């Protein structure tokens, strides 16, 4: 029964992680972060650093 518990825990952690990021963490820090969910979020000063 517990042979594939790691698969179930991996899927469950993803199902918990995505809504928390989308509805709680990203809106909380959206003023400081730039980007999108598909490309990822990063601080604005990082863009200046890499675009030199």
PDB file of N, CA and C in Angstrom:
ATOM      1  N   UNK A   1       0.818  -1.197   0.000  1.00  0.00           N
ATOM      2  CA  UNK A   1       0.000   0.000   0.000  1.00  0.00           C
ATOM      3  C   UNK A   1       0.861   1.260   0.000  1.00  0.00           C
ATOM      4  N   UNK A   2       1.938   1.256   0.736  1.00  0.00           N
ATOM      5  CA  UNK A   2       2.778   2.443   0.815  1.00  0.00           C
ATOM      6  C   UNK A   2       3.963   2.397  -0.154  1.00  0.00           C
ATOM      7  N   UNK A   3       3.901   1.490  -1.107  1.00  0.00           N
ATOM      8  CA  UNK A   3       4.993   1.377  -2.070  1.00  0.00           C
ATOM      9  C   UNK A   3       5.130   2.624  -2.932  1.00  0.00           C
ATOM     10  N   UNK A   4       4.036   3.244  -3.274  1.00  0.00           N
ATOM     11  CA  UNK A   4       4.058   4.430  -4.125  1.00  0.00           C
ATOM     12  C   UNK A   4       3.660   5.693  -3.361  1.00  0.00           C
ATOM     13  N   UNK A   5       3.930   5.731  -2.095  1.00  0.00           N
ATOM     14  CA  UNK A   5       3.573   6.895  -1.289  1.00  0.00           C
ATOM     15  C   UNK A   5       4.331   8.139  -1.735  1.00  0.00           C
ATOM     16  N   UNK A   6       5.543   7.981  -2.254  1.00  0.00           N
ATOM     17  CA  UNK A   6       6.305   9.142  -2.702  1.00  0.00           C
ATOM     18  C   UNK A   6       5.644   9.810  -3.907  1.00  0.00           C
ATOM     19  N   UNK A   7       4.987   9.034  -4.741  1.00  0.00           N
ATOM     20  CA  UNK A   7       4.291   9.607  -5.899  1.00  0.00           C
ATOM     21  C   UNK A   7       3.105  10.432  -5.424  1.00  0.00           C
ATOM     22  N   UNK A   8       2.348   9.889  -4.519  1.00  0.00           N
ATOM     23  CA  UNK A   8       1.177  10.590  -3.988  1.00  0.00           C
ATOM     24  C   UNK A   8       1.602  11.855  -3.254  1.00  0.00           C
ATOM     25  N   UNK A   9       2.668  11.784  -2.474  1.00  0.00           N
ATOM     26  CA  UNK A   9       3.127  12.976  -1.749  1.00  0.00           C
ATOM     27  C   UNK A   9       3.667  14.026  -2.709  1.00  0.00           C
ATOM     28  N   UNK A  10       4.312  13.621  -3.796  1.00  0.00           N
ATOM     29  CA  UNK A  10       4.809  14.564  -4.792  1.00  0.00           C
ATOM     30  C   UNK A  10       3.651  15.295  -5.466  1.00  0.00           C
ATOM     31  N   UNK A  11       2.625  14.581  -5.842  1.00  0.00           N
ATOM     32  CA  UNK A  11       1.456  15.180  -6.484  1.00  0.00           C
ATOM     33  C   UNK A  11       0.714  16.085  -5.508  1.00  0.00           C
ATOM     34  N   UNK A  12       0.537  15.633  -4.284  1.00  0.00           N
ATOM     35  CA  UNK A  12      -0.144  16.452  -3.283  1.00  0.00           C
ATOM     36  C   UNK A  12       0.616  17.731  -2.983  1.00  0.00           C
ATOM     37  N   UNK A  13       1.929  17.646  -2.890  1.00  0.00           N
ATOM     38  CA  UNK A  13       2.707  18.852  -2.603  1.00  0.00           C
ATOM     39  C   UNK A  13       2.587  19.850  -3.753  1.00  0.00           C
ATOM     40  N   UNK A  14       2.548  19.375  -4.986  1.00  0.00           N
ATOM     41  CA  UNK A  14       2.343  20.273  -6.116  1.00  0.00           C
ATOM     42  C   UNK A  14       0.972  20.904  -6.107  1.00  0.00           C
ATOM     43  N   UNK A  15      -0.033  20.128  -5.734  1.00  0.00           N
ATOM     44  CA  UNK A  15      -1.395  20.662  -5.666  1.00  0.00           C
ATOM     45  C   UNK A  15      -1.560  21.678  -4.547  1.00  0.00           C
ATOM     46  N   UNK A  16      -0.778  21.576  -3.518  1.00  0.00           N
ATOM     47  CA  UNK A  16      -0.811  22.550  -2.424  1.00  0.00           C
ATOM     48  C   UNK A  16       0.050  23.764  -2.762  1.00  0.00           C
ATOM     49  N   UNK A  17       1.210  23.536  -3.381  1.00  0.00           N
ATOM     50  CA  UNK A  17       2.164  24.600  -3.678  1.00  0.00           C
ATOM     51  C   UNK A  17       1.609  25.617  -4.677  1.00  0.00           C
ATOM     52  N   UNK A  18       1.039  25.152  -5.772  1.00  0.00           N
ATOM     53  CA  UNK A  18       0.574  26.074  -6.811  1.00  0.00           C
ATOM     54  C   UNK A  18      -0.494  27.059  -6.334  1.00  0.00           C
ATOM     55  N   UNK A  19      -1.562  26.612  -5.682  1.00  0.00           N
ATOM     56  CA  UNK A  19      -2.542  27.608  -5.210  1.00  0.00           C
ATOM     57  C   UNK A  19      -1.963  28.572  -4.174  1.00  0.00           C
ATOM     58  N   UNK A  20      -1.089  28.076  -3.313  1.00  0.00           N
ATOM     59  CA  UNK A  20      -0.480  28.986  -2.342  1.00  0.00           C
ATOM     60  C   UNK A  20       0.353  30.061  -3.034  1.00  0.00           C
ATOM     61  N   UNK A  21       1.122  29.686  -4.034  1.00  0.00           N
ATOM     62  CA  UNK A  21       1.929  30.661  -4.760  1.00  0.00           C
ATOM     63  C   UNK A  21       1.055  31.639  -5.540  1.00  0.00           C
ATOM     64  N   UNK A  22       0.044  31.126  -6.221  1.00  0.00           N
ATOM     65  CA  UNK A  22      -0.781  31.968  -7.084  1.00  0.00           C
ATOM     66  C   UNK A  22      -1.645  32.930  -6.281  1.00  0.00           C
ATOM     67  N   UNK A  23      -2.234  32.465  -5.198  1.00  0.00           N
ATOM     68  CA  UNK A  23      -3.211  33.282  -4.483  1.00  0.00           C
ATOM     69  C   UNK A  23      -2.667  33.969  -3.235  1.00  0.00           C
ATOM     70  N   UNK A  24      -1.462  33.610  -2.776  1.00  0.00           N
ATOM     71  CA  UNK A  24      -0.980  34.205  -1.534  1.00  0.00           C
ATOM     72  C   UNK A  24       0.392  34.847  -1.702  1.00  0.00           C
ATOM     73  N   UNK A  25       1.384  34.116  -2.129  1.00  0.00           N
ATOM     74  CA  UNK A  25       2.750  34.631  -2.166  1.00  0.00           C
ATOM     75  C   UNK A  25       2.946  35.635  -3.299  1.00  0.00           C
ATOM     76  N   UNK A  26       2.529  35.300  -4.513  1.00  0.00           N
ATOM     77  CA  UNK A  26       2.743  36.202  -5.646  1.00  0.00           C
ATOM     78  C   UNK A  26       1.993  37.522  -5.463  1.00  0.00           C
ATOM     79  N   UNK A  27       0.710  37.534  -5.091  1.00  0.00           N
ATOM     80  CA  UNK A  27       0.055  38.833  -4.879  1.00  0.00           C
ATOM     81  C   UNK A  27       0.681  39.645  -3.741  1.00  0.00           C
ATOM     82  N   UNK A  28       1.201  38.978  -2.740  1.00  0.00           N
ATOM     83  CA  UNK A  28       1.802  39.690  -1.604  1.00  0.00           C
ATOM     84  C   UNK A  28       3.060  40.434  -2.025  1.00  0.00           C
ATOM     85  N   UNK A  29       3.853  39.850  -2.909  1.00  0.00           N
ATOM     86  CA  UNK A  29       5.125  40.442  -3.311  1.00  0.00           C
ATOM     87  C   UNK A  29       5.119  40.951  -4.742  1.00  0.00           C
ATOM     88  N   UNK A  30       3.967  41.110  -5.353  1.00  0.00           N
ATOM     89  CA  UNK A  30       3.893  41.494  -6.761  1.00  0.00           C
ATOM     90  C   UNK A  30       4.476  42.883  -7.009  1.00  0.00           C
ATOM     91  N   UNK A  31       4.417  43.776  -6.055  1.00  0.00           N
ATOM     92  CA  UNK A  31       4.983  45.105  -6.232  1.00  0.00           C
ATOM     93  C   UNK A  31       6.495  45.045  -6.378  1.00  0.00           C
ATOM     94  N   UNK A  32       7.122  44.102  -5.708  1.00  0.00           N
ATOM     95  CA  UNK A  32       8.574  43.992  -5.725  1.00  0.00           C
ATOM     96  C   UNK A  32       9.080  43.084  -6.835  1.00  0.00           C
ATOM     97  N   UNK A  33       8.217  42.225  -7.372  1.00  0.00           N
ATOM     98  CA  UNK A  33       8.645  41.236  -8.349  1.00  0.00           C
ATOM     99  C   UNK A  33       8.137  41.577  -9.738  1.00  0.00           C
ATOM    100  N   UNK A  34       8.872  41.119 -10.729  1.00  0.00           N
ATOM    101  CA  UNK A  34       8.487  41.330 -12.114  1.00  0.00           C
ATOM    102  C   UNK A  34       8.509  39.981 -12.818  1.00  0.00           C
ATOM    103  N   UNK A  35       7.606  39.762 -13.753  1.00  0.00           N
ATOM    104  CA  UNK A  35       7.596  38.508 -14.482  1.00  0.00           C
ATOM    105  C   UNK A  35       6.200  37.960 -14.635  1.00  0.00           C
ATOM    106  N   UNK A  36       6.127  36.665 -14.901  1.00  0.00           N
ATOM    107  CA  UNK A  36       4.847  36.001 -15.063  1.00  0.00           C
ATOM    108  C   UNK A  36       4.957  34.594 -14.495  1.00  0.00           C
ATOM    109  N   UNK A  37       3.843  33.946 -14.369  1.00  0.00           N
ATOM    110  CA  UNK A  37       3.836  32.600 -13.813  1.00  0.00           C
ATOM    111  C   UNK A  37       4.561  31.629 -14.745  1.00  0.00           C
ATOM    112  N   UNK A  38       4.476  31.846 -16.033  1.00  0.00           N
ATOM    113  CA  UNK A  38       5.114  30.955 -16.998  1.00  0.00           C
ATOM    114  C   UNK A  38       6.632  31.154 -17.031  1.00  0.00           C
ATOM    115  N   UNK A  39       7.103  32.399 -17.015  1.00  0.00           N
ATOM    116  CA  UNK A  39       8.540  32.678 -17.118  1.00  0.00           C
ATOM    117  C   UNK A  39       9.227  32.769 -15.764  1.00  0.00           C
ATOM    118  N   UNK A  40       8.460  32.933 -14.724  1.00  0.00           N
ATOM    119  CA  UNK A  40       9.037  33.051 -13.392  1.00  0.00           C
ATOM    120  C   UNK A  40       9.068  34.496 -12.923  1.00  0.00           C
ATOM    121  N   UNK A  41       9.239  34.679 -11.641  1.00  0.00           N
ATOM    122  CA  UNK A  41       9.277  35.997 -11.032  1.00  0.00           C
ATOM    123  C   UNK A  41      10.685  36.282 -10.538  1.00  0.00           C
ATOM    124  N   UNK A  42      11.088  37.529 -10.625  1.00  0.00           N
ATOM    125  CA  UNK A  42      12.418  37.931 -10.201  1.00  0.00           C
ATOM    126  C   UNK A  42      12.372  39.385  -9.750  1.00  0.00           C
ATOM    127  N   UNK A  43      13.313  39.793  -8.874  1.00  0.00           N
ATOM    128  CA  UNK A  43      13.359  41.187  -8.433  1.00  0.00           C
ATOM    129  C   UNK A  43      13.754  42.107  -9.594  1.00  0.00           C
ATOM    130  N   UNK A  44      13.329  43.364  -9.537  1.00  0.00           N
ATOM    131  CA  UNK A  44      13.601  44.300 -10.614  1.00  0.00           C
ATOM    132  C   UNK A  44      15.095  44.599 -10.744  1.00  0.00           C
ATOM    133  N   UNK A  45      15.829  44.615  -9.649  1.00  0.00           N
ATOM    134  CA  UNK A  45      17.256  44.903  -9.740  1.00  0.00           C
ATOM    135  C   UNK A  45      18.020  43.783 -10.445  1.00  0.00           C
ATOM    136  N   UNK A  46      17.475  42.577 -10.460  1.00  0.00           N
ATOM    137  CA  UNK A  46      18.121  41.474 -11.166  1.00  0.00           C
ATOM    138  C   UNK A  46      18.055  41.703 -12.677  1.00  0.00           C
ATOM    139  N   UNK A  47      16.968  42.291 -13.155  1.00  0.00           N
ATOM    140  CA  UNK A  47      16.854  42.580 -14.583  1.00  0.00           C
ATOM    141  C   UNK A  47      17.912  43.602 -14.999  1.00  0.00           C
ATOM    142  N   UNK A  48      18.149  44.588 -14.190  1.00  0.00           N
ATOM    143  CA  UNK A  48      19.174  45.588 -14.500  1.00  0.00           C
ATOM    144  C   UNK A  48      20.552  44.944 -14.502  1.00  0.00           C
ATOM    145  N   UNK A  49      20.795  44.019 -13.634  1.00  0.00           N
ATOM    146  CA  UNK A  49      22.087  43.346 -13.532  1.00  0.00           C
ATOM    147  C   UNK A  49      22.393  42.504 -14.768  1.00  0.00           C
ATOM    148  N   UNK A  50      21.410  41.759 -15.240  1.00  0.00           N
ATOM    149  CA  UNK A  50      21.636  40.853 -16.362  1.00  0.00           C
ATOM    150  C   UNK A  50      21.501  41.527 -17.731  1.00  0.00           C
ATOM    151  N   UNK A  51      20.902  42.691 -17.795  1.00  0.00           N
ATOM    152  CA  UNK A  51      20.733  43.370 -19.084  1.00  0.00           C
ATOM    153  C   UNK A  51      21.843  44.384 -19.354  1.00  0.00           C
ATOM    154  N   UNK A  52      22.909  44.360 -18.598  1.00  0.00           N
ATOM    155  CA  UNK A  52      24.022  45.299 -18.832  1.00  0.00           C
ATOM    156  C   UNK A  52      24.854  44.857 -19.991  1.00  0.00           C
TER     157      UNK A  52
END
